[in-house]
Protein backbone atom coordinates (compact mmCIF):
# COMPACT_ATOMS: atom_id res chain seq x y z
CA UNK A 1 1.39 54.76 17.68
CA UNK A 2 -1.87 54.23 15.78
CA UNK A 3 -2.71 50.55 15.55
CA UNK A 4 -5.60 48.70 13.94
CA UNK A 5 -5.66 44.93 14.33
CA UNK A 6 -8.28 42.84 12.54
CA UNK A 7 -9.33 39.36 13.56
CA UNK A 8 -12.07 36.84 12.90
CA UNK A 9 -11.44 35.87 9.30
CA UNK A 10 -11.44 32.33 8.06
CA UNK A 11 -13.09 29.80 5.77
CA UNK A 12 -16.86 29.61 5.65
CA UNK A 13 -19.38 27.93 3.35
CA UNK A 14 -21.76 29.96 1.19
CA UNK A 15 -24.71 31.08 3.28
CA UNK A 16 -22.65 31.05 6.45
CA UNK A 17 -21.65 33.84 8.80
CA UNK A 18 -18.49 35.37 10.20
CA UNK A 19 -17.86 38.23 12.58
CA UNK A 20 -14.78 40.36 12.07
CA UNK A 21 -13.37 42.59 14.77
CA UNK A 22 -10.91 45.48 14.70
CA UNK A 23 -9.09 46.55 17.85
CA UNK A 24 -7.93 50.17 17.71
CA UNK A 25 -5.37 52.06 19.77
CA UNK A 26 -3.22 55.18 19.65
CA UNK A 27 -5.98 57.72 19.01
CA UNK A 28 -9.23 58.94 20.54
CA UNK A 29 -11.36 56.21 19.04
CA UNK A 30 -14.76 57.68 19.96
CA UNK A 31 -14.09 60.85 17.94
CA UNK A 32 -13.71 59.27 14.52
CA UNK A 33 -15.72 57.35 11.96
CA UNK A 34 -14.46 53.86 11.24
CA UNK A 35 -14.57 51.91 8.01
CA UNK A 36 -14.25 48.40 6.71
CA UNK A 37 -12.79 47.83 3.25
CA UNK A 38 -12.08 44.69 1.30
CA UNK A 39 -9.92 43.65 -1.60
CA UNK A 40 -10.49 40.49 -3.56
CA UNK A 41 -7.90 38.84 -5.75
CA UNK A 42 -7.38 40.91 -8.89
CA UNK A 43 -9.87 43.54 -7.76
CA UNK A 44 -9.64 47.10 -6.49
CA UNK A 45 -10.08 47.80 -2.81
CA UNK A 46 -13.71 48.68 -2.12
CA UNK A 47 -15.43 50.36 0.79
CA UNK A 48 -17.72 47.88 2.53
CA UNK A 49 -19.14 49.79 5.49
CA UNK A 50 -18.80 53.00 7.47
CA UNK A 51 -19.92 53.88 10.98
CA UNK A 52 -20.06 57.33 12.56
CA UNK A 53 -18.11 58.15 15.70
CA UNK A 54 -21.12 57.73 18.00
CA UNK A 55 -22.72 54.97 15.92
CA UNK A 56 -25.57 57.24 14.86
CA UNK A 57 -25.04 56.62 11.16
CA UNK A 58 -23.98 53.63 9.10
CA UNK A 59 -23.59 53.07 5.41
CA UNK A 60 -22.94 50.00 3.29
CA UNK A 61 -21.90 49.03 -0.17
CA UNK A 62 -24.83 47.92 -2.29
CA UNK A 63 -23.27 44.49 -2.60
CA UNK A 64 -23.49 43.83 1.16
CA UNK A 65 -26.60 45.82 2.09
CA UNK A 66 -28.92 43.71 4.20
CA UNK A 67 -26.30 41.05 4.86
CA UNK A 68 -23.53 42.88 6.74
CA UNK A 69 -23.78 44.98 9.88
CA UNK A 70 -21.10 47.34 11.17
CA UNK A 71 -21.03 48.21 14.86
CA UNK A 72 -18.67 49.79 17.36
CA UNK A 73 -17.98 49.73 21.07
CA UNK A 74 -16.35 53.00 22.07
CA UNK A 75 -15.64 51.68 25.57
CA UNK A 76 -13.59 48.83 24.11
CA UNK A 77 -12.16 50.70 21.11
CA UNK A 78 -13.44 48.07 18.72
CA UNK A 79 -15.38 48.06 15.49
CA UNK A 80 -17.01 44.87 14.23
CA UNK A 81 -18.40 43.62 10.97
CA UNK A 82 -21.06 40.94 11.22
CA UNK A 83 -21.28 39.15 7.89
CA UNK A 84 -24.29 36.94 7.16
CA UNK A 85 -25.49 35.05 4.11
CA UNK A 86 -21.98 35.02 2.76
CA UNK A 87 -21.38 34.55 -0.94
CA UNK A 88 -18.27 33.40 -2.82
CA UNK A 89 -17.87 36.95 -4.14
CA UNK A 90 -17.36 38.12 -0.55
CA UNK A 91 -14.00 36.34 -0.57
CA UNK A 92 -11.38 39.00 0.09
CA UNK A 93 -8.94 40.45 2.56
CA UNK A 94 -10.88 42.73 4.88
CA UNK A 95 -9.24 45.85 6.29
CA UNK A 96 -10.11 48.20 9.12
CA UNK A 97 -9.45 51.88 8.34
CA UNK A 98 -9.52 55.29 10.01
CA UNK A 99 -8.75 58.74 8.57
CA UNK A 100 -6.91 60.89 11.12
CA UNK A 101 -5.28 64.30 11.35
CA UNK A 102 -1.50 64.26 11.76
CA UNK A 103 1.23 66.87 12.09
CA UNK A 104 1.63 66.57 8.31
CA UNK A 105 -2.03 66.61 7.34
CA UNK A 106 -4.82 64.00 7.23
CA UNK A 107 -3.73 60.41 6.83
CA UNK A 108 -5.36 57.02 6.35
CA UNK A 109 -4.39 54.25 8.75
CA UNK A 110 -4.95 50.59 7.98
CA UNK A 111 -4.87 47.29 9.77
CA UNK A 112 -2.95 44.32 8.44
CA UNK A 113 -6.09 42.71 7.06
CA UNK A 114 -7.88 39.46 7.78
CA UNK A 115 -8.66 36.86 5.12
CA UNK A 116 -12.21 35.73 4.44
CA UNK A 117 -12.78 32.81 2.10
CA UNK A 118 -16.31 31.76 1.17
CA UNK A 119 -16.22 28.38 -0.53
CA UNK A 120 -17.82 24.96 -0.53
């Protein structure tokens, strides 16, 4: 029922920009914070950005602060990640995530991921 579908990844040169989007369905999107995570090759998954349910609060990993912007459109059930001034170390699979209550307790839901490669 819950679905998160990321899009927008691709190959970009250092210093370039990409905008990722996550389309959500199967839950009351406007009631929940949304998150973007990433996982580079051989690295642990790391939290990139968080946005509150009504977009009143955002937070970012130190490594992307000032370069990435998370936003959401509660009318469209989407959360975006605008990535500017990209660096090779931003290369990773980027995942959309939400933490939801279920009949069996809270549960994390994840999208399939979208690949971002920053290379010359």
